[in-house]
Amino acid sequence: MVPQHVEVKGVGVDSKTRCLHYHSERDIIAIKFKCCNTYYPCHLCHEEKAGHEPVRWSREEWDTKAVLCGVCRNELTILQYMNSQSVCPHCQSDFNPGCRNHYHLYFEG
């Protein structure tokens, strides 16, 4: 079920979850931070707005819905997102493949 309204906090967040820091056509995901159960477009938005240190999702929690597609608003599990090959499995929108470089900031290896 697609959430009717999921709030995404951050800096300059647009309707597709892009932010001041990451705003290319493909920067259309938000990540729910484990520490505050809140969606942010990126680690820099969390750093600026949350007021606390981030906590990463453990490997045992990768079946948790913690990634939001900014186009169709479907929530993906961490594992679905990691296995998506940078394409939303629901609406086929392209995600930024460079986000893989930041997995270590959100998810424990």
C-alpha atoms as a PDB file:
ATOM      1  CA  MET A   1       0.000   0.000   0.000  1.00  0.00           C
ATOM      2  CA  VAL A   2       1.302   3.425  -0.962  1.00  0.00           C
ATOM      3  CA  PRO A   3       1.404   5.866   1.973  1.00  0.00           C
ATOM      4  CA  GLN A   4      -0.957   8.803   1.442  1.00  0.00           C
ATOM      5  CA  HIS A   5       1.539  11.260   2.832  1.00  0.00           C
ATOM      6  CA  VAL A   6       5.039  10.517   4.020  1.00  0.00           C
ATOM      7  CA  GLU A   7       6.880  13.535   5.345  1.00  0.00           C
ATOM      8  CA  VAL A   8      10.433  13.953   4.094  1.00  0.00           C
ATOM      9  CA  LYS A   9      12.485  16.399   6.135  1.00  0.00           C
ATOM     10  CA  GLY A  10      15.548  18.152   4.815  1.00  0.00           C
ATOM     11  CA  VAL A  11      16.904  21.261   3.144  1.00  0.00           C
ATOM     12  CA  GLY A  12      15.011  22.501   0.087  1.00  0.00           C
ATOM     13  CA  VAL A  13      13.135  19.215  -0.420  1.00  0.00           C
ATOM     14  CA  ASP A  14      10.990  19.114  -3.571  1.00  0.00           C
ATOM     15  CA  SER A  15       7.970  16.936  -4.391  1.00  0.00           C
ATOM     16  CA  LYS A  16      10.203  14.080  -5.622  1.00  0.00           C
ATOM     17  CA  THR A  17      12.464  14.111  -2.522  1.00  0.00           C
ATOM     18  CA  ARG A  18      15.359  15.949  -4.143  1.00  0.00           C
ATOM     19  CA  CYS A  19      17.216  18.307  -1.808  1.00  0.00           C
ATOM     20  CA  LEU A  20      19.704  21.155  -1.845  1.00  0.00           C
ATOM     21  CA  HIS A  21      22.600  18.673  -1.704  1.00  0.00           C
ATOM     22  CA  TYR A  22      21.433  16.077  -4.256  1.00  0.00           C
ATOM     23  CA  HIS A  23      19.063  17.342  -6.919  1.00  0.00           C
ATOM     24  CA  SER A  24      19.745  15.615 -10.228  1.00  0.00           C
ATOM     25  CA  GLU A  25      16.895  14.100 -12.233  1.00  0.00           C
ATOM     26  CA  ARG A  26      17.695  10.703 -10.653  1.00  0.00           C
ATOM     27  CA  ASP A  27      17.983  11.830  -7.020  1.00  0.00           C
ATOM     28  CA  ILE A  28      14.471  10.657  -6.224  1.00  0.00           C
ATOM     29  CA  ILE A  29      14.750   8.544  -3.097  1.00  0.00           C
ATOM     30  CA  ALA A  30      14.573   9.334   0.583  1.00  0.00           C
ATOM     31  CA  ILE A  31      15.943   7.127   3.328  1.00  0.00           C
ATOM     32  CA  LYS A  32      14.276   6.529   6.673  1.00  0.00           C
ATOM     33  CA  PHE A  33      16.897   6.980   9.368  1.00  0.00           C
ATOM     34  CA  LYS A  34      16.750   4.293  12.023  1.00  0.00           C
ATOM     35  CA  CYS A  35      17.667   6.690  14.813  1.00  0.00           C
ATOM     36  CA  CYS A  36      14.601   8.904  14.399  1.00  0.00           C
ATOM     37  CA  ASN A  37      12.252   6.901  12.151  1.00  0.00           C
ATOM     38  CA  THR A  38      12.211   9.910   9.806  1.00  0.00           C
ATOM     39  CA  TYR A  39      12.770  10.162   6.064  1.00  0.00           C
ATOM     40  CA  TYR A  40      15.520  12.456   4.760  1.00  0.00           C
ATOM     41  CA  PRO A  41      16.764  12.810   1.168  1.00  0.00           C
ATOM     42  CA  CYS A  42      20.385  12.397   2.253  1.00  0.00           C
ATOM     43  CA  HIS A  43      22.875  12.144   5.096  1.00  0.00           C
ATOM     44  CA  LEU A  44      23.703  15.860   4.841  1.00  0.00           C
ATOM     45  CA  CYS A  45      20.050  16.834   5.353  1.00  0.00           C
ATOM     46  CA  HIS A  46      19.928  14.571   8.418  1.00  0.00           C
ATOM     47  CA  GLU A  47      23.126  16.132   9.735  1.00  0.00           C
ATOM     48  CA  GLU A  48      21.733  19.665   9.313  1.00  0.00           C
ATOM     49  CA  LYS A  49      18.196  19.071  10.577  1.00  0.00           C
ATOM     50  CA  ALA A  50      18.031  16.111  12.988  1.00  0.00           C
ATOM     51  CA  GLY A  51      20.161  17.364  15.871  1.00  0.00           C
ATOM     52  CA  HIS A  52      21.625  13.926  16.652  1.00  0.00           C
ATOM     53  CA  GLU A  53      24.081  11.395  15.280  1.00  0.00           C
ATOM     54  CA  PRO A  54      22.752   8.940  12.681  1.00  0.00           C
ATOM     55  CA  VAL A  55      22.317   5.238  13.423  1.00  0.00           C
ATOM     56  CA  ARG A  56      22.804   2.806  10.545  1.00  0.00           C
ATOM     57  CA  TRP A  57      20.466  -0.094   9.749  1.00  0.00           C
ATOM     58  CA  SER A  58      22.034  -3.475  10.595  1.00  0.00           C
ATOM     59  CA  ARG A  59      22.149  -6.263   8.022  1.00  0.00           C
ATOM     60  CA  GLU A  60      19.484  -8.125  10.034  1.00  0.00           C
ATOM     61  CA  GLU A  61      17.117  -5.180   9.449  1.00  0.00           C
ATOM     62  CA  TRP A  62      17.445  -4.991   5.669  1.00  0.00           C
ATOM     63  CA  ASP A  63      13.888  -6.352   5.295  1.00  0.00           C
ATOM     64  CA  THR A  64      12.597  -3.082   6.830  1.00  0.00           C
ATOM     65  CA  LYS A  65      10.792  -0.621   4.578  1.00  0.00           C
ATOM     66  CA  ALA A  66      13.167   2.326   4.766  1.00  0.00           C
ATOM     67  CA  VAL A  67      13.516   3.719   1.236  1.00  0.00           C
ATOM     68  CA  LEU A  68      10.890   5.923  -0.406  1.00  0.00           C
ATOM     69  CA  CYS A  69      10.600   6.437  -4.168  1.00  0.00           C
ATOM     70  CA  GLY A  70       9.975  10.131  -4.716  1.00  0.00           C
ATOM     71  CA  VAL A  71       8.017   9.485  -7.905  1.00  0.00           C
ATOM     72  CA  CYS A  72       5.457   6.812  -6.967  1.00  0.00           C
ATOM     73  CA  ARG A  73       5.834   7.145  -3.160  1.00  0.00           C
ATOM     74  CA  ASN A  74       6.151   3.389  -2.662  1.00  0.00           C
ATOM     75  CA  GLU A  75       8.299   2.289   0.246  1.00  0.00           C
ATOM     76  CA  LEU A  76      10.960  -0.312  -0.491  1.00  0.00           C
ATOM     77  CA  THR A  77      12.786  -2.531   1.906  1.00  0.00           C
ATOM     78  CA  ILE A  78      16.483  -1.835   2.138  1.00  0.00           C
ATOM     79  CA  LEU A  79      17.181  -5.117   0.351  1.00  0.00           C
ATOM     80  CA  GLN A  80      14.691  -4.333  -2.446  1.00  0.00           C
ATOM     81  CA  TYR A  81      16.421  -1.005  -2.924  1.00  0.00           C
ATOM     82  CA  MET A  82      19.909  -2.509  -2.941  1.00  0.00           C
ATOM     83  CA  ASN A  83      18.796  -5.138  -5.471  1.00  0.00           C
ATOM     84  CA  SER A  84      16.844  -2.721  -7.667  1.00  0.00           C
ATOM     85  CA  GLN A  85      19.687  -2.035 -10.104  1.00  0.00           C
ATOM     86  CA  SER A  86      18.844   1.666  -9.671  1.00  0.00           C
ATOM     87  CA  VAL A  87      15.284   1.345 -10.998  1.00  0.00           C
ATOM     88  CA  CYS A  88      12.127   1.552  -8.901  1.00  0.00           C
ATOM     89  CA  PRO A  89      10.445  -1.870  -9.005  1.00  0.00           C
ATOM     90  CA  HIS A  90       7.018  -0.198  -8.838  1.00  0.00           C
ATOM     91  CA  CYS A  91       7.138   2.675 -11.348  1.00  0.00           C
ATOM     92  CA  GLN A  92      10.380   1.975 -13.263  1.00  0.00           C
ATOM     93  CA  SER A  93      11.817   5.431 -12.487  1.00  0.00           C
ATOM     94  CA  ASP A  94      15.606   5.616 -12.570  1.00  0.00           C
ATOM     95  CA  PHE A  95      17.436   6.081  -9.282  1.00  0.00           C
ATOM     96  CA  ASN A  96      20.898   7.630  -9.095  1.00  0.00           C
ATOM     97  CA  PRO A  97      23.359   4.702  -9.365  1.00  0.00           C
ATOM     98  CA  GLY A  98      25.964   6.813  -7.533  1.00  0.00           C
ATOM     99  CA  CYS A  99      23.953   6.433  -4.327  1.00  0.00           C
ATOM    100  CA  ARG A 100      25.636   3.024  -3.919  1.00  0.00           C
ATOM    101  CA  ASN A 101      28.744   4.950  -2.892  1.00  0.00           C
ATOM    102  CA  HIS A 102      26.898   6.132   0.223  1.00  0.00           C
ATOM    103  CA  TYR A 103      25.362   2.855   1.423  1.00  0.00           C
ATOM    104  CA  HIS A 104      27.930   2.701   4.239  1.00  0.00           C
ATOM    105  CA  LEU A 105      26.454   5.914   5.676  1.00  0.00           C
ATOM    106  CA  TYR A 106      22.987   4.363   6.039  1.00  0.00           C
ATOM    107  CA  PHE A 107      23.441   0.592   6.160  1.00  0.00           C
ATOM    108  CA  GLU A 108      25.922  -1.591   8.030  1.00  0.00           C
ATOM    109  CA  GLY A 109      27.854  -3.962   5.790  1.00  0.00           C
END
